[in-house]
Amino acid sequence: MNTNTAVNSGEDSKRSVEIEPVKVIARYVNGKVLKGYTLDFSPNKQIFRISPSIDEHSQESLKIHMLDLKAVFFVRDFAGNPLYNEQKHFPQDKQVLGQKIEVTFMDGEVLVGTTVGYAPQRLGFFLFPVDRKSNNLRVFVISAAVRKMRVF
């Protein structure tokens, strides 16, 4: 038996998976906006942390309470393009994965996309925007911040 192989295979099984920080914009129900990076977001947890820096060891990370939020936007970049007019209609000739939905928030903002995990009793659900060119890759919508939801 090759002892190097045994040691290496043991080390491989103990390796932790490295999680890359993701860019998020937390939008509060009161209108406040917080941009930064997160390593610990989970749709099943009430709290996660956002750091203004990509440095995962930043002392500046803030604790975010999900119930204070309208939604968490997972974005391509923080600036986006304020002049871009996001598509709000599904293409007629393309099949989509998931349930087509339109979400209207309490503040009147409307998002259109698909979801695979909507359940009204849960804290929230992921919405994947219909517009593939959107700055939003996905949005975690907080159910309590929704005024109306329409299923297509």
N, C-alpha and C. Protein backbone atom coordinates (compact mmCIF):
# COMPACT_ATOMS: atom_id res chain seq x y z
N MET A 1 0.84 -1.18 0.00
CA MET A 1 0.00 0.00 0.00
C MET A 1 0.89 1.23 0.00
N ASN A 2 0.57 2.17 -0.83
CA ASN A 2 1.31 3.43 -0.92
C ASN A 2 0.77 4.39 0.15
N THR A 3 1.60 4.71 1.13
CA THR A 3 1.15 5.57 2.24
C THR A 3 0.86 6.99 1.78
N ASN A 4 1.54 7.46 0.75
CA ASN A 4 1.26 8.81 0.24
C ASN A 4 -0.16 8.89 -0.31
N THR A 5 -0.59 7.85 -0.98
CA THR A 5 -1.94 7.84 -1.53
C THR A 5 -2.97 7.87 -0.42
N ALA A 6 -2.73 7.07 0.62
CA ALA A 6 -3.68 7.03 1.73
C ALA A 6 -3.76 8.39 2.42
N VAL A 7 -2.63 9.04 2.62
CA VAL A 7 -2.62 10.35 3.27
C VAL A 7 -3.32 11.37 2.39
N ASN A 8 -3.00 11.36 1.11
CA ASN A 8 -3.62 12.34 0.20
C ASN A 8 -5.12 12.15 0.10
N SER A 9 -5.57 10.91 -0.01
CA SER A 9 -7.02 10.70 -0.15
C SER A 9 -7.74 11.11 1.13
N GLY A 10 -7.08 10.93 2.29
CA GLY A 10 -7.67 11.38 3.55
C GLY A 10 -7.77 12.90 3.60
N GLU A 11 -6.73 13.57 3.10
CA GLU A 11 -6.74 15.04 3.08
C GLU A 11 -7.81 15.55 2.13
N ASP A 12 -7.97 14.89 0.99
CA ASP A 12 -8.97 15.32 0.02
C ASP A 12 -10.37 15.27 0.61
N SER A 13 -10.66 14.25 1.40
CA SER A 13 -12.00 14.12 1.96
C SER A 13 -12.27 15.15 3.05
N LYS A 14 -11.21 15.74 3.63
CA LYS A 14 -11.37 16.73 4.69
C LYS A 14 -11.39 18.16 4.17
N ARG A 15 -11.12 18.36 2.89
CA ARG A 15 -11.10 19.71 2.33
C ARG A 15 -12.48 20.33 2.41
N SER A 16 -12.48 21.59 2.78
CA SER A 16 -13.76 22.29 2.80
C SER A 16 -13.99 22.95 1.45
N VAL A 17 -15.22 23.09 1.10
CA VAL A 17 -15.56 23.73 -0.15
C VAL A 17 -15.43 25.24 0.05
N GLU A 18 -14.68 25.88 -0.84
CA GLU A 18 -14.54 27.33 -0.74
C GLU A 18 -15.72 27.98 -1.42
N ILE A 19 -16.31 28.94 -0.72
CA ILE A 19 -17.45 29.66 -1.24
C ILE A 19 -16.98 31.03 -1.69
N GLU A 20 -17.31 31.38 -2.91
CA GLU A 20 -16.97 32.69 -3.45
C GLU A 20 -17.97 33.72 -2.96
N PRO A 21 -17.51 34.91 -2.58
CA PRO A 21 -18.47 35.96 -2.22
C PRO A 21 -19.30 36.35 -3.43
N VAL A 22 -20.57 36.61 -3.21
CA VAL A 22 -21.46 37.01 -4.30
C VAL A 22 -21.92 38.44 -4.07
N LYS A 23 -22.12 39.15 -5.17
CA LYS A 23 -22.59 40.54 -5.12
C LYS A 23 -24.08 40.55 -4.89
N VAL A 24 -24.49 41.30 -3.87
CA VAL A 24 -25.91 41.43 -3.57
C VAL A 24 -26.26 42.88 -3.29
N ILE A 25 -27.51 43.19 -3.56
CA ILE A 25 -28.08 44.47 -3.17
C ILE A 25 -29.30 44.14 -2.33
N ALA A 26 -29.23 44.54 -1.06
CA ALA A 26 -30.35 44.32 -0.14
C ALA A 26 -31.22 45.57 -0.18
N ARG A 27 -32.48 45.39 -0.53
CA ARG A 27 -33.42 46.51 -0.56
C ARG A 27 -34.41 46.31 0.57
N TYR A 28 -34.44 47.28 1.45
CA TYR A 28 -35.30 47.24 2.63
C TYR A 28 -36.71 47.71 2.29
N VAL A 29 -37.67 47.32 3.10
CA VAL A 29 -39.05 47.77 2.89
C VAL A 29 -39.18 49.28 3.10
N ASN A 30 -38.28 49.88 3.88
CA ASN A 30 -38.34 51.33 4.11
C ASN A 30 -37.61 52.13 3.03
N GLY A 31 -37.10 51.46 1.99
CA GLY A 31 -36.43 52.14 0.89
C GLY A 31 -34.91 52.16 0.97
N LYS A 32 -34.35 51.84 2.12
CA LYS A 32 -32.90 51.80 2.27
C LYS A 32 -32.31 50.73 1.36
N VAL A 33 -31.12 51.01 0.83
CA VAL A 33 -30.43 50.08 -0.06
C VAL A 33 -29.02 49.84 0.48
N LEU A 34 -28.60 48.58 0.52
CA LEU A 34 -27.27 48.22 0.98
C LEU A 34 -26.64 47.30 -0.06
N LYS A 35 -25.45 47.70 -0.53
CA LYS A 35 -24.73 46.91 -1.55
C LYS A 35 -23.49 46.30 -0.92
N GLY A 36 -23.21 45.06 -1.31
CA GLY A 36 -22.00 44.42 -0.80
C GLY A 36 -21.91 42.97 -1.21
N TYR A 37 -21.09 42.25 -0.47
CA TYR A 37 -20.81 40.84 -0.75
C TYR A 37 -21.29 39.98 0.40
N THR A 38 -21.77 38.79 0.06
CA THR A 38 -22.17 37.86 1.11
C THR A 38 -21.57 36.49 0.85
N LEU A 39 -21.32 35.82 1.94
CA LEU A 39 -20.83 34.44 1.90
C LEU A 39 -21.81 33.49 2.56
N ASP A 40 -22.79 34.03 3.28
CA ASP A 40 -23.62 33.15 4.11
C ASP A 40 -25.12 33.28 3.88
N PHE A 41 -25.51 33.79 2.72
CA PHE A 41 -26.95 33.90 2.44
C PHE A 41 -27.55 32.51 2.32
N SER A 42 -28.71 32.33 2.94
CA SER A 42 -29.48 31.10 2.79
C SER A 42 -30.95 31.47 2.81
N PRO A 43 -31.74 30.94 1.88
CA PRO A 43 -33.17 31.25 1.87
C PRO A 43 -33.90 30.68 3.09
N ASN A 44 -33.24 29.84 3.84
CA ASN A 44 -33.85 29.21 5.01
C ASN A 44 -33.45 29.87 6.33
N LYS A 45 -32.60 30.89 6.26
CA LYS A 45 -32.14 31.55 7.47
C LYS A 45 -32.74 32.95 7.58
N GLN A 46 -32.99 33.39 8.78
CA GLN A 46 -33.56 34.71 9.04
C GLN A 46 -32.53 35.84 8.96
N ILE A 47 -31.25 35.48 9.07
CA ILE A 47 -30.18 36.47 9.12
C ILE A 47 -29.04 36.04 8.21
N PHE A 48 -28.41 37.03 7.56
CA PHE A 48 -27.17 36.80 6.83
C PHE A 48 -26.32 38.06 6.96
N ARG A 49 -25.11 38.02 6.44
CA ARG A 49 -24.21 39.16 6.58
C ARG A 49 -23.81 39.69 5.22
N ILE A 50 -23.63 41.01 5.17
CA ILE A 50 -23.14 41.69 3.96
C ILE A 50 -21.91 42.49 4.35
N SER A 51 -20.87 42.38 3.53
CA SER A 51 -19.65 43.15 3.72
C SER A 51 -19.48 44.08 2.52
N PRO A 52 -19.09 45.33 2.76
CA PRO A 52 -18.87 46.25 1.64
C PRO A 52 -17.64 45.88 0.82
N SER A 53 -16.80 45.00 1.36
CA SER A 53 -15.56 44.60 0.71
C SER A 53 -15.63 43.13 0.33
N ILE A 54 -14.91 42.76 -0.71
CA ILE A 54 -14.86 41.36 -1.12
C ILE A 54 -14.04 40.54 -0.13
N ASP A 55 -13.28 41.20 0.72
CA ASP A 55 -12.46 40.53 1.73
C ASP A 55 -13.37 39.82 2.72
N GLU A 56 -13.36 38.51 2.70
CA GLU A 56 -14.27 37.72 3.54
C GLU A 56 -13.99 37.89 5.04
N HIS A 57 -12.86 38.45 5.38
CA HIS A 57 -12.53 38.64 6.79
C HIS A 57 -12.77 40.07 7.25
N SER A 58 -13.50 40.82 6.45
CA SER A 58 -13.77 42.21 6.77
C SER A 58 -14.49 42.35 8.10
N GLN A 59 -14.03 43.29 8.89
CA GLN A 59 -14.66 43.57 10.17
C GLN A 59 -15.90 44.45 9.99
N GLU A 60 -16.13 44.90 8.76
CA GLU A 60 -17.21 45.83 8.50
C GLU A 60 -18.51 45.14 8.08
N SER A 61 -18.59 43.84 8.16
CA SER A 61 -19.80 43.16 7.71
C SER A 61 -20.97 43.51 8.61
N LEU A 62 -22.14 43.60 8.00
CA LEU A 62 -23.35 43.97 8.72
C LEU A 62 -24.32 42.80 8.76
N LYS A 63 -24.97 42.64 9.88
CA LYS A 63 -25.98 41.60 10.04
C LYS A 63 -27.28 42.12 9.42
N ILE A 64 -27.86 41.32 8.52
CA ILE A 64 -29.08 41.69 7.82
C ILE A 64 -30.21 40.77 8.27
N HIS A 65 -31.30 41.35 8.70
CA HIS A 65 -32.49 40.59 9.10
C HIS A 65 -33.44 40.52 7.91
N MET A 66 -33.72 39.33 7.45
CA MET A 66 -34.52 39.15 6.25
C MET A 66 -35.89 39.83 6.32
N LEU A 67 -36.52 39.80 7.47
CA LEU A 67 -37.87 40.36 7.57
C LEU A 67 -37.89 41.89 7.46
N ASP A 68 -36.72 42.53 7.51
CA ASP A 68 -36.64 43.98 7.29
C ASP A 68 -36.56 44.32 5.80
N LEU A 69 -36.37 43.28 4.98
CA LEU A 69 -36.11 43.48 3.55
C LEU A 69 -37.36 43.31 2.69
N LYS A 70 -37.26 43.91 1.52
CA LYS A 70 -38.21 43.70 0.43
C LYS A 70 -37.69 42.53 -0.42
N ALA A 71 -36.39 42.57 -0.72
CA ALA A 71 -35.78 41.54 -1.55
C ALA A 71 -34.26 41.64 -1.49
N VAL A 72 -33.62 40.54 -1.87
CA VAL A 72 -32.17 40.49 -2.02
C VAL A 72 -31.90 40.24 -3.50
N PHE A 73 -31.22 41.19 -4.15
CA PHE A 73 -30.92 41.10 -5.57
C PHE A 73 -29.50 40.59 -5.74
N PHE A 74 -29.34 39.47 -6.41
CA PHE A 74 -28.03 38.91 -6.74
C PHE A 74 -27.70 39.49 -8.11
N VAL A 75 -26.65 40.32 -8.18
CA VAL A 75 -26.42 41.16 -9.36
C VAL A 75 -25.09 40.87 -10.06
N ARG A 76 -25.05 41.30 -11.32
CA ARG A 76 -23.81 41.22 -12.10
C ARG A 76 -22.82 42.27 -11.60
N ASP A 77 -23.32 43.49 -11.42
CA ASP A 77 -22.48 44.56 -10.87
C ASP A 77 -23.35 45.51 -10.05
N PHE A 78 -22.72 46.32 -9.24
CA PHE A 78 -23.45 47.19 -8.32
C PHE A 78 -24.08 48.40 -9.00
N ALA A 79 -23.47 48.88 -10.08
CA ALA A 79 -23.97 50.09 -10.75
C ALA A 79 -25.18 49.80 -11.63
N GLY A 80 -25.16 48.66 -12.31
CA GLY A 80 -26.24 48.39 -13.26
C GLY A 80 -26.24 49.44 -14.36
N ASN A 81 -27.35 49.54 -15.07
CA ASN A 81 -27.51 50.56 -16.10
C ASN A 81 -28.86 51.22 -15.89
N PRO A 82 -28.89 52.37 -15.23
CA PRO A 82 -30.17 53.01 -14.93
C PRO A 82 -30.98 53.38 -16.18
N LEU A 83 -30.35 53.44 -17.34
CA LEU A 83 -31.06 53.78 -18.58
C LEU A 83 -31.66 52.55 -19.26
N TYR A 84 -31.27 51.36 -18.82
CA TYR A 84 -31.76 50.13 -19.44
C TYR A 84 -33.21 49.88 -19.04
N ASN A 85 -34.05 49.62 -20.03
CA ASN A 85 -35.46 49.34 -19.81
C ASN A 85 -35.65 47.83 -19.82
N GLU A 86 -35.78 47.25 -18.63
CA GLU A 86 -35.85 45.79 -18.50
C GLU A 86 -37.12 45.21 -19.13
N GLN A 87 -36.94 44.15 -19.89
CA GLN A 87 -38.05 43.44 -20.53
C GLN A 87 -38.94 42.82 -19.46
N LYS A 88 -40.25 43.00 -19.59
CA LYS A 88 -41.21 42.48 -18.59
C LYS A 88 -42.17 41.45 -19.19
N HIS A 89 -41.89 41.00 -20.43
CA HIS A 89 -42.78 40.04 -21.08
C HIS A 89 -41.99 38.81 -21.50
N PHE A 90 -42.65 37.67 -21.44
CA PHE A 90 -42.02 36.42 -21.86
C PHE A 90 -42.06 36.32 -23.38
N PRO A 91 -40.96 35.92 -23.99
CA PRO A 91 -40.96 35.72 -25.45
C PRO A 91 -41.97 34.63 -25.82
N GLN A 92 -42.70 34.83 -26.89
CA GLN A 92 -43.73 33.89 -27.32
C GLN A 92 -43.14 32.55 -27.75
N ASP A 93 -41.96 32.57 -28.36
CA ASP A 93 -41.39 31.36 -28.96
C ASP A 93 -40.41 30.60 -28.08
N LYS A 94 -40.23 31.03 -26.84
CA LYS A 94 -39.26 30.35 -25.99
C LYS A 94 -39.94 29.70 -24.80
N GLN A 95 -39.53 28.47 -24.55
CA GLN A 95 -40.02 27.75 -23.39
C GLN A 95 -39.16 28.14 -22.19
N VAL A 96 -39.78 28.27 -21.02
CA VAL A 96 -39.04 28.64 -19.82
C VAL A 96 -39.16 27.53 -18.78
N LEU A 97 -38.18 27.49 -17.90
CA LEU A 97 -38.21 26.53 -16.80
C LEU A 97 -38.87 27.19 -15.60
N GLY A 98 -39.75 26.49 -14.94
CA GLY A 98 -40.39 27.02 -13.75
C GLY A 98 -41.73 27.67 -14.06
N GLN A 99 -42.31 28.24 -13.02
CA GLN A 99 -43.61 28.89 -13.10
C GLN A 99 -43.42 30.37 -13.43
N LYS A 100 -44.13 30.85 -14.46
CA LYS A 100 -44.06 32.26 -14.82
C LYS A 100 -44.85 33.07 -13.80
N ILE A 101 -44.22 34.14 -13.29
CA ILE A 101 -44.90 34.96 -12.30
C ILE A 101 -44.62 36.45 -12.51
N GLU A 102 -45.52 37.26 -11.98
CA GLU A 102 -45.33 38.70 -11.89
C GLU A 102 -45.53 39.08 -10.43
N VAL A 103 -44.56 39.73 -9.85
CA VAL A 103 -44.61 40.12 -8.45
C VAL A 103 -44.72 41.64 -8.36
N THR A 104 -45.70 42.11 -7.60
CA THR A 104 -45.83 43.54 -7.32
C THR A 104 -45.56 43.73 -5.83
N PHE A 105 -44.54 44.52 -5.54
CA PHE A 105 -44.17 44.79 -4.16
C PHE A 105 -45.09 45.85 -3.56
N MET A 106 -45.05 45.99 -2.25
CA MET A 106 -45.85 46.99 -1.54
C MET A 106 -45.57 48.40 -2.04
N ASP A 107 -44.31 48.65 -2.49
CA ASP A 107 -43.94 49.99 -2.98
C ASP A 107 -44.28 50.21 -4.45
N GLY A 108 -44.90 49.20 -5.09
CA GLY A 108 -45.32 49.35 -6.49
C GLY A 108 -44.36 48.78 -7.51
N GLU A 109 -43.14 48.45 -7.14
CA GLU A 109 -42.20 47.88 -8.09
C GLU A 109 -42.72 46.53 -8.57
N VAL A 110 -42.52 46.26 -9.87
CA VAL A 110 -42.99 45.02 -10.47
C VAL A 110 -41.79 44.27 -11.05
N LEU A 111 -41.71 42.97 -10.72
CA LEU A 111 -40.71 42.08 -11.30
C LEU A 111 -41.43 40.96 -12.02
N VAL A 112 -40.89 40.56 -13.16
CA VAL A 112 -41.46 39.47 -13.93
C VAL A 112 -40.37 38.43 -14.15
N GLY A 113 -40.72 37.17 -13.93
CA GLY A 113 -39.74 36.11 -14.12
C GLY A 113 -40.34 34.75 -13.85
N THR A 114 -39.47 33.84 -13.47
CA THR A 114 -39.91 32.48 -13.17
C THR A 114 -39.45 32.09 -11.77
N THR A 115 -40.14 31.11 -11.21
CA THR A 115 -39.75 30.57 -9.91
C THR A 115 -39.99 29.07 -9.92
N VAL A 116 -39.23 28.36 -9.12
CA VAL A 116 -39.44 26.92 -8.97
C VAL A 116 -39.73 26.56 -7.53
N GLY A 117 -39.71 27.57 -6.65
CA GLY A 117 -39.86 27.25 -5.25
C GLY A 117 -40.84 28.11 -4.48
N TYR A 118 -41.87 28.61 -5.13
CA TYR A 118 -42.81 29.47 -4.41
C TYR A 118 -43.72 28.64 -3.51
N ALA A 119 -43.78 29.04 -2.26
CA ALA A 119 -44.72 28.47 -1.30
C ALA A 119 -45.07 29.61 -0.35
N PRO A 120 -46.34 29.99 -0.27
CA PRO A 120 -46.72 31.18 0.49
C PRO A 120 -46.33 31.15 1.97
N GLN A 121 -46.18 29.97 2.56
CA GLN A 121 -45.84 29.88 3.98
C GLN A 121 -44.35 30.09 4.25
N ARG A 122 -43.52 30.11 3.21
CA ARG A 122 -42.08 30.30 3.40
C ARG A 122 -41.73 31.78 3.52
N LEU A 123 -40.55 32.05 4.05
CA LEU A 123 -40.04 33.40 4.19
C LEU A 123 -39.99 34.13 2.85
N GLY A 124 -39.61 33.41 1.81
CA GLY A 124 -39.50 34.02 0.49
C GLY A 124 -39.25 32.98 -0.57
N PHE A 125 -38.90 33.46 -1.76
CA PHE A 125 -38.67 32.57 -2.90
C PHE A 125 -37.76 33.26 -3.90
N PHE A 126 -37.09 32.46 -4.72
CA PHE A 126 -36.24 33.01 -5.76
C PHE A 126 -37.06 33.28 -7.02
N LEU A 127 -36.79 34.43 -7.61
CA LEU A 127 -37.37 34.81 -8.90
C LEU A 127 -36.20 34.99 -9.86
N PHE A 128 -36.31 34.38 -11.03
CA PHE A 128 -35.30 34.52 -12.07
C PHE A 128 -35.88 35.42 -13.14
N PRO A 129 -35.30 36.62 -13.34
CA PRO A 129 -35.88 37.60 -14.26
C PRO A 129 -36.05 37.07 -15.68
N VAL A 130 -37.14 37.48 -16.31
CA VAL A 130 -37.41 37.09 -17.68
C VAL A 130 -36.37 37.67 -18.63
N ASP A 131 -35.85 38.84 -18.32
CA ASP A 131 -34.87 39.51 -19.17
C ASP A 131 -33.48 38.98 -18.87
N ARG A 132 -32.92 38.25 -19.81
CA ARG A 132 -31.58 37.65 -19.64
C ARG A 132 -30.48 38.71 -19.59
N LYS A 133 -30.76 39.93 -20.06
CA LYS A 133 -29.78 41.01 -20.05
C LYS A 133 -29.90 41.86 -18.79
N SER A 134 -30.80 41.51 -17.91
CA SER A 134 -30.99 42.24 -16.67
C SER A 134 -29.72 42.19 -15.82
N ASN A 135 -29.50 43.22 -15.04
CA ASN A 135 -28.39 43.20 -14.10
C ASN A 135 -28.65 42.19 -12.98
N ASN A 136 -29.91 41.86 -12.76
CA ASN A 136 -30.28 40.90 -11.72
C ASN A 136 -30.13 39.47 -12.26
N LEU A 137 -29.30 38.68 -11.60
CA LEU A 137 -29.15 37.28 -11.96
C LEU A 137 -30.31 36.47 -11.39
N ARG A 138 -30.66 36.79 -10.14
CA ARG A 138 -31.81 36.21 -9.46
C ARG A 138 -32.17 37.13 -8.30
N VAL A 139 -33.38 37.00 -7.83
CA VAL A 139 -33.86 37.85 -6.75
C VAL A 139 -34.53 36.97 -5.70
N PHE A 140 -34.14 37.15 -4.45
CA PHE A 140 -34.85 36.47 -3.38
C PHE A 140 -35.90 37.44 -2.87
N VAL A 141 -37.14 37.13 -3.16
CA VAL A 141 -38.27 37.98 -2.82
C VAL A 141 -38.77 37.60 -1.43
N ILE A 142 -38.91 38.58 -0.55
CA ILE A 142 -39.46 38.34 0.78
C ILE A 142 -40.99 38.38 0.67
N SER A 143 -41.62 37.28 1.00
CA SER A 143 -43.08 37.14 0.81
C SER A 143 -43.88 38.25 1.49
N ALA A 144 -43.45 38.68 2.67
CA ALA A 144 -44.19 39.71 3.41
C ALA A 144 -44.17 41.07 2.71
N ALA A 145 -43.25 41.28 1.78
CA ALA A 145 -43.13 42.56 1.07
C ALA A 145 -43.92 42.58 -0.24
N VAL A 146 -44.61 41.48 -0.55
CA VAL A 146 -45.35 41.37 -1.81
C VAL A 146 -46.80 41.81 -1.60
N ARG A 147 -47.24 42.74 -2.43
CA ARG A 147 -48.65 43.17 -2.42
C ARG A 147 -49.49 42.20 -3.24
N LYS A 148 -48.97 41.83 -4.41
CA LYS A 148 -49.75 40.99 -5.31
C LYS A 148 -48.80 40.10 -6.11
N MET A 149 -49.24 38.88 -6.36
CA MET A 149 -48.48 37.98 -7.21
C MET A 149 -49.42 37.36 -8.23
N ARG A 150 -49.01 37.46 -9.48
CA ARG A 150 -49.82 36.89 -10.56
C ARG A 150 -49.05 35.74 -11.19
N VAL A 151 -49.72 34.60 -11.33
CA VAL A 151 -49.14 33.43 -11.97
C VAL A 151 -49.70 33.36 -13.38
N PHE A 152 -48.82 33.15 -14.36
CA PHE A 152 -49.24 33.07 -15.77
C PHE A 152 -49.65 31.66 -16.11
